[in-house]
Amino acid sequence: MLYKIAADVVVLIHFLWILFLIFGVFIGKKYRIIKTFHITGLGFAVIMQIFGWYCPLTYLELWLRKKHDPSLSYTGSFIIHYAEKLIYVELSPLVIFILTLILVSVSAYFYLKKER
């Protein structure tokens, strides 16, 4: 049971991380340390997708799920798995990569935009 709880906590942290990558630019414009962390996270996300790697949190969640009950484990990407499970949307790795590049572009725009 402890492994299941730990895996669920990792899922929550993973969702929060993704939300930070999406919305972190709004906090990052105000705080330099957040901006640095946000840009680093976006860069890491792009690199992982280019090389076909999964987030370390995905590997941790899968390991914990296998320890609790191997039948609860899934294969592939965290985002693909939960998008299909929660909102019934089928996403390919290419779509996720394109969305990530759009997110990076929008973040770059906000970071580079001069205040009037």
N, C-alpha and C. Protein backbone atom coordinates (compact mmCIF):
# COMPACT_ATOMS: atom_id res chain seq x y z
N MET A 1 0.82 -1.20 0.00
CA MET A 1 0.00 0.00 0.00
C MET A 1 0.86 1.27 0.00
N LEU A 2 2.01 1.20 0.68
CA LEU A 2 2.90 2.35 0.73
C LEU A 2 3.41 2.72 -0.66
N TYR A 3 3.71 1.70 -1.48
CA TYR A 3 4.18 1.96 -2.85
C TYR A 3 3.09 2.65 -3.68
N LYS A 4 1.85 2.25 -3.49
CA LYS A 4 0.75 2.87 -4.24
C LYS A 4 0.59 4.33 -3.86
N ILE A 5 0.64 4.61 -2.57
CA ILE A 5 0.53 6.00 -2.11
C ILE A 5 1.70 6.82 -2.65
N ALA A 6 2.89 6.26 -2.58
CA ALA A 6 4.07 6.96 -3.10
C ALA A 6 3.93 7.22 -4.60
N ALA A 7 3.43 6.24 -5.35
CA ALA A 7 3.24 6.42 -6.80
C ALA A 7 2.21 7.51 -7.07
N ASP A 8 1.14 7.55 -6.28
CA ASP A 8 0.12 8.59 -6.44
C ASP A 8 0.69 9.98 -6.13
N VAL A 9 1.55 10.06 -5.13
CA VAL A 9 2.21 11.33 -4.81
C VAL A 9 3.11 11.77 -5.96
N VAL A 10 3.82 10.82 -6.56
CA VAL A 10 4.67 11.14 -7.71
C VAL A 10 3.82 11.65 -8.88
N VAL A 11 2.65 11.05 -9.10
CA VAL A 11 1.74 11.53 -10.16
C VAL A 11 1.33 12.97 -9.88
N LEU A 12 0.98 13.27 -8.65
CA LEU A 12 0.59 14.63 -8.28
C LEU A 12 1.75 15.61 -8.53
N ILE A 13 2.93 15.23 -8.10
CA ILE A 13 4.11 16.08 -8.32
C ILE A 13 4.36 16.27 -9.81
N HIS A 14 4.17 15.21 -10.59
CA HIS A 14 4.38 15.28 -12.04
C HIS A 14 3.38 16.25 -12.68
N PHE A 15 2.11 16.16 -12.29
CA PHE A 15 1.11 17.10 -12.80
C PHE A 15 1.45 18.54 -12.41
N LEU A 16 1.89 18.74 -11.18
CA LEU A 16 2.28 20.08 -10.75
C LEU A 16 3.48 20.59 -11.54
N TRP A 17 4.42 19.71 -11.84
CA TRP A 17 5.59 20.07 -12.65
C TRP A 17 5.14 20.52 -14.04
N ILE A 18 4.22 19.77 -14.63
CA ILE A 18 3.73 20.13 -15.97
C ILE A 18 2.99 21.47 -15.92
N LEU A 19 2.20 21.69 -14.88
CA LEU A 19 1.53 22.99 -14.73
C LEU A 19 2.55 24.12 -14.58
N PHE A 20 3.62 23.85 -13.85
CA PHE A 20 4.68 24.85 -13.72
C PHE A 20 5.32 25.15 -15.07
N LEU A 21 5.56 24.12 -15.87
CA LEU A 21 6.14 24.35 -17.19
C LEU A 21 5.20 25.17 -18.07
N ILE A 22 3.91 24.96 -17.92
CA ILE A 22 2.93 25.70 -18.74
C ILE A 22 2.78 27.14 -18.25
N PHE A 23 2.65 27.33 -16.95
CA PHE A 23 2.31 28.65 -16.42
C PHE A 23 3.46 29.35 -15.68
N GLY A 24 4.59 28.70 -15.56
CA GLY A 24 5.71 29.26 -14.82
C GLY A 24 6.24 30.57 -15.36
N VAL A 25 6.01 30.82 -16.63
CA VAL A 25 6.48 32.07 -17.24
C VAL A 25 5.89 33.28 -16.53
N PHE A 26 4.68 33.18 -16.03
CA PHE A 26 4.04 34.32 -15.39
C PHE A 26 4.68 34.66 -14.05
N ILE A 27 5.18 33.66 -13.36
CA ILE A 27 5.93 33.90 -12.12
C ILE A 27 7.38 34.23 -12.45
N GLY A 28 7.90 33.56 -13.49
CA GLY A 28 9.29 33.74 -13.88
C GLY A 28 9.62 35.15 -14.35
N LYS A 29 8.63 35.85 -14.88
CA LYS A 29 8.88 37.24 -15.30
C LYS A 29 9.19 38.13 -14.10
N LYS A 30 8.70 37.74 -12.95
CA LYS A 30 8.88 38.56 -11.76
C LYS A 30 10.10 38.13 -10.92
N TYR A 31 10.38 36.83 -10.90
CA TYR A 31 11.45 36.31 -10.04
C TYR A 31 12.49 35.59 -10.89
N ARG A 32 13.71 36.09 -10.83
CA ARG A 32 14.79 35.55 -11.67
C ARG A 32 15.07 34.07 -11.41
N ILE A 33 15.05 33.65 -10.16
CA ILE A 33 15.34 32.25 -9.84
C ILE A 33 14.28 31.33 -10.44
N ILE A 34 13.03 31.76 -10.41
CA ILE A 34 11.94 30.98 -11.01
C ILE A 34 12.13 30.93 -12.52
N LYS A 35 12.52 32.06 -13.10
CA LYS A 35 12.76 32.12 -14.55
C LYS A 35 13.85 31.12 -14.95
N THR A 36 14.94 31.10 -14.20
CA THR A 36 16.04 30.18 -14.49
C THR A 36 15.57 28.73 -14.40
N PHE A 37 14.85 28.42 -13.34
CA PHE A 37 14.34 27.07 -13.13
C PHE A 37 13.35 26.69 -14.24
N HIS A 38 12.50 27.64 -14.62
CA HIS A 38 11.49 27.40 -15.65
C HIS A 38 12.15 27.14 -17.01
N ILE A 39 13.09 27.99 -17.39
CA ILE A 39 13.77 27.82 -18.68
C ILE A 39 14.55 26.51 -18.71
N THR A 40 15.19 26.17 -17.60
CA THR A 40 15.92 24.90 -17.52
C THR A 40 14.97 23.73 -17.68
N GLY A 41 13.82 23.79 -17.03
CA GLY A 41 12.83 22.73 -17.15
C GLY A 41 12.31 22.57 -18.56
N LEU A 42 12.04 23.69 -19.22
CA LEU A 42 11.58 23.63 -20.62
C LEU A 42 12.66 23.04 -21.52
N GLY A 43 13.89 23.47 -21.30
CA GLY A 43 15.00 22.92 -22.09
C GLY A 43 15.15 21.42 -21.90
N PHE A 44 15.04 20.98 -20.65
CA PHE A 44 15.13 19.56 -20.35
C PHE A 44 13.99 18.79 -21.01
N ALA A 45 12.79 19.37 -21.02
CA ALA A 45 11.64 18.72 -21.65
C ALA A 45 11.87 18.54 -23.15
N VAL A 46 12.42 19.57 -23.79
CA VAL A 46 12.70 19.47 -25.23
C VAL A 46 13.77 18.41 -25.49
N ILE A 47 14.83 18.41 -24.71
CA ILE A 47 15.91 17.43 -24.89
C ILE A 47 15.38 16.01 -24.71
N MET A 48 14.57 15.79 -23.67
CA MET A 48 14.01 14.46 -23.44
C MET A 48 13.20 13.99 -24.64
N GLN A 49 12.43 14.89 -25.22
CA GLN A 49 11.59 14.50 -26.36
C GLN A 49 12.42 14.27 -27.62
N ILE A 50 13.45 15.05 -27.82
CA ILE A 50 14.32 14.85 -28.99
C ILE A 50 14.95 13.46 -28.94
N PHE A 51 15.40 13.06 -27.76
CA PHE A 51 16.09 11.77 -27.62
C PHE A 51 15.15 10.61 -27.29
N GLY A 52 13.85 10.89 -27.15
CA GLY A 52 12.89 9.83 -26.86
C GLY A 52 12.94 9.33 -25.43
N TRP A 53 13.44 10.15 -24.53
CA TRP A 53 13.51 9.79 -23.12
C TRP A 53 12.20 10.16 -22.43
N TYR A 54 11.93 9.51 -21.32
CA TYR A 54 10.80 9.87 -20.48
C TYR A 54 11.33 10.63 -19.27
N CYS A 55 10.46 11.39 -18.67
CA CYS A 55 10.81 12.15 -17.48
C CYS A 55 11.21 11.18 -16.36
N PRO A 56 12.20 11.55 -15.56
CA PRO A 56 12.57 10.69 -14.42
C PRO A 56 11.39 10.40 -13.48
N LEU A 57 10.45 11.34 -13.39
CA LEU A 57 9.28 11.09 -12.55
C LEU A 57 8.42 9.96 -13.10
N THR A 58 8.39 9.80 -14.42
CA THR A 58 7.66 8.69 -15.04
C THR A 58 8.28 7.37 -14.63
N TYR A 59 9.61 7.30 -14.72
CA TYR A 59 10.30 6.06 -14.33
C TYR A 59 10.07 5.75 -12.85
N LEU A 60 10.10 6.78 -12.01
CA LEU A 60 9.87 6.56 -10.58
C LEU A 60 8.45 6.06 -10.33
N GLU A 61 7.48 6.69 -10.96
CA GLU A 61 6.09 6.25 -10.80
C GLU A 61 5.93 4.79 -11.24
N LEU A 62 6.47 4.45 -12.40
CA LEU A 62 6.34 3.08 -12.92
C LEU A 62 7.00 2.08 -11.98
N TRP A 63 8.16 2.42 -11.45
CA TRP A 63 8.85 1.53 -10.52
C TRP A 63 8.01 1.30 -9.27
N LEU A 64 7.44 2.38 -8.73
CA LEU A 64 6.60 2.26 -7.53
C LEU A 64 5.34 1.45 -7.82
N ARG A 65 4.73 1.66 -8.97
CA ARG A 65 3.52 0.89 -9.33
C ARG A 65 3.85 -0.60 -9.48
N LYS A 66 4.98 -0.91 -10.10
CA LYS A 66 5.38 -2.32 -10.25
C LYS A 66 5.62 -2.96 -8.89
N LYS A 67 6.19 -2.20 -7.96
CA LYS A 67 6.42 -2.73 -6.62
C LYS A 67 5.09 -3.02 -5.92
N HIS A 68 4.10 -2.16 -6.13
CA HIS A 68 2.80 -2.36 -5.49
C HIS A 68 2.01 -3.47 -6.19
N ASP A 69 1.83 -3.34 -7.50
CA ASP A 69 1.06 -4.31 -8.27
C ASP A 69 1.47 -4.18 -9.74
N PRO A 70 2.23 -5.14 -10.25
CA PRO A 70 2.72 -5.04 -11.64
C PRO A 70 1.62 -4.83 -12.68
N SER A 71 0.40 -5.24 -12.39
CA SER A 71 -0.68 -5.07 -13.37
C SER A 71 -1.12 -3.61 -13.50
N LEU A 72 -0.76 -2.77 -12.54
CA LEU A 72 -1.13 -1.35 -12.58
C LEU A 72 -0.15 -0.51 -13.38
N SER A 73 0.96 -1.10 -13.75
CA SER A 73 1.98 -0.36 -14.49
C SER A 73 1.53 -0.16 -15.94
N TYR A 74 2.05 0.86 -16.57
CA TYR A 74 1.76 1.13 -17.98
C TYR A 74 3.08 1.33 -18.71
N THR A 75 3.01 1.34 -20.01
CA THR A 75 4.22 1.59 -20.79
C THR A 75 4.07 2.93 -21.50
N GLY A 76 5.17 3.55 -21.77
CA GLY A 76 5.14 4.79 -22.54
C GLY A 76 5.16 6.04 -21.70
N SER A 77 4.70 7.09 -22.31
CA SER A 77 4.77 8.44 -21.76
C SER A 77 3.70 8.70 -20.71
N PHE A 78 4.09 9.40 -19.67
CA PHE A 78 3.17 9.85 -18.63
C PHE A 78 2.04 10.68 -19.24
N ILE A 79 2.40 11.66 -20.07
CA ILE A 79 1.40 12.56 -20.65
C ILE A 79 0.43 11.79 -21.54
N ILE A 80 0.96 10.92 -22.38
CA ILE A 80 0.08 10.14 -23.27
C ILE A 80 -0.85 9.26 -22.45
N HIS A 81 -0.30 8.57 -21.46
CA HIS A 81 -1.11 7.66 -20.63
C HIS A 81 -2.25 8.40 -19.94
N TYR A 82 -1.93 9.50 -19.25
CA TYR A 82 -2.96 10.18 -18.47
C TYR A 82 -3.89 11.03 -19.33
N ALA A 83 -3.42 11.52 -20.47
CA ALA A 83 -4.33 12.24 -21.38
C ALA A 83 -5.40 11.29 -21.89
N GLU A 84 -4.99 10.07 -22.24
CA GLU A 84 -5.96 9.08 -22.72
C GLU A 84 -6.87 8.63 -21.59
N LYS A 85 -6.32 8.46 -20.41
CA LYS A 85 -7.09 7.96 -19.27
C LYS A 85 -8.06 9.01 -18.71
N LEU A 86 -7.62 10.26 -18.63
CA LEU A 86 -8.43 11.28 -17.97
C LEU A 86 -9.33 12.07 -18.91
N ILE A 87 -8.84 12.39 -20.10
CA ILE A 87 -9.65 13.23 -21.00
C ILE A 87 -9.92 12.56 -22.34
N TYR A 88 -9.57 11.31 -22.44
CA TYR A 88 -9.89 10.49 -23.62
C TYR A 88 -9.38 11.10 -24.92
N VAL A 89 -8.22 11.70 -24.86
CA VAL A 89 -7.59 12.28 -26.04
C VAL A 89 -6.36 11.44 -26.37
N GLU A 90 -6.27 11.02 -27.62
CA GLU A 90 -5.09 10.27 -28.04
C GLU A 90 -4.05 11.26 -28.55
N LEU A 91 -2.90 11.24 -27.92
CA LEU A 91 -1.80 12.12 -28.31
C LEU A 91 -0.62 11.27 -28.77
N SER A 92 0.01 11.70 -29.82
CA SER A 92 1.23 11.02 -30.27
C SER A 92 2.43 11.78 -29.71
N PRO A 93 3.58 11.14 -29.66
CA PRO A 93 4.79 11.86 -29.22
C PRO A 93 5.07 13.09 -30.08
N LEU A 94 4.75 13.03 -31.37
CA LEU A 94 4.96 14.18 -32.24
C LEU A 94 4.08 15.36 -31.82
N VAL A 95 2.83 15.09 -31.49
CA VAL A 95 1.93 16.16 -31.05
C VAL A 95 2.44 16.78 -29.75
N ILE A 96 2.89 15.95 -28.83
CA ILE A 96 3.43 16.47 -27.57
C ILE A 96 4.67 17.32 -27.84
N PHE A 97 5.52 16.87 -28.76
CA PHE A 97 6.72 17.63 -29.10
C PHE A 97 6.35 18.99 -29.70
N ILE A 98 5.39 19.00 -30.60
CA ILE A 98 4.95 20.27 -31.21
C ILE A 98 4.36 21.20 -30.15
N LEU A 99 3.53 20.65 -29.27
CA LEU A 99 2.96 21.47 -28.19
C LEU A 99 4.06 22.02 -27.27
N THR A 100 5.08 21.21 -27.03
CA THR A 100 6.20 21.67 -26.20
C THR A 100 6.94 22.82 -26.88
N LEU A 101 7.17 22.69 -28.19
CA LEU A 101 7.84 23.76 -28.92
C LEU A 101 7.00 25.04 -28.92
N ILE A 102 5.70 24.90 -29.02
CA ILE A 102 4.82 26.07 -28.93
C ILE A 102 4.93 26.70 -27.55
N LEU A 103 4.93 25.87 -26.51
CA LEU A 103 5.08 26.37 -25.14
C LEU A 103 6.40 27.10 -24.96
N VAL A 104 7.48 26.54 -25.49
CA VAL A 104 8.79 27.19 -25.40
C VAL A 104 8.76 28.53 -26.13
N SER A 105 8.14 28.56 -27.30
CA SER A 105 8.06 29.80 -28.08
C SER A 105 7.26 30.88 -27.36
N VAL A 106 6.12 30.49 -26.80
CA VAL A 106 5.29 31.45 -26.07
C VAL A 106 6.04 31.95 -24.83
N SER A 107 6.70 31.05 -24.13
CA SER A 107 7.47 31.46 -22.95
C SER A 107 8.59 32.41 -23.35
N ALA A 108 9.30 32.09 -24.43
CA ALA A 108 10.38 32.96 -24.90
C ALA A 108 9.84 34.34 -25.24
N TYR A 109 8.68 34.37 -25.88
CA TYR A 109 8.06 35.66 -26.22
C TYR A 109 7.81 36.48 -24.96
N PHE A 110 7.22 35.87 -23.95
CA PHE A 110 6.92 36.61 -22.72
C PHE A 110 8.19 37.02 -21.98
N TYR A 111 9.20 36.15 -21.97
CA TYR A 111 10.44 36.51 -21.30
C TYR A 111 11.19 37.63 -22.02
N LEU A 112 11.13 37.64 -23.34
CA LEU A 112 11.89 38.62 -24.11
C LEU A 112 11.13 39.92 -24.37
N LYS A 113 9.81 39.88 -24.19
CA LYS A 113 8.98 41.06 -24.44
C LYS A 113 9.31 42.15 -23.43
N LYS A 114 9.51 43.33 -23.94
CA LYS A 114 9.81 44.48 -23.07
C LYS A 114 8.51 45.06 -22.53
N GLU A 115 8.54 45.41 -21.26
CA GLU A 115 7.37 46.05 -20.64
C GLU A 115 7.26 47.48 -21.16
N ARG A 116 6.05 47.93 -21.37
CA ARG A 116 5.84 49.31 -21.86
C ARG A 116 5.59 50.24 -20.73
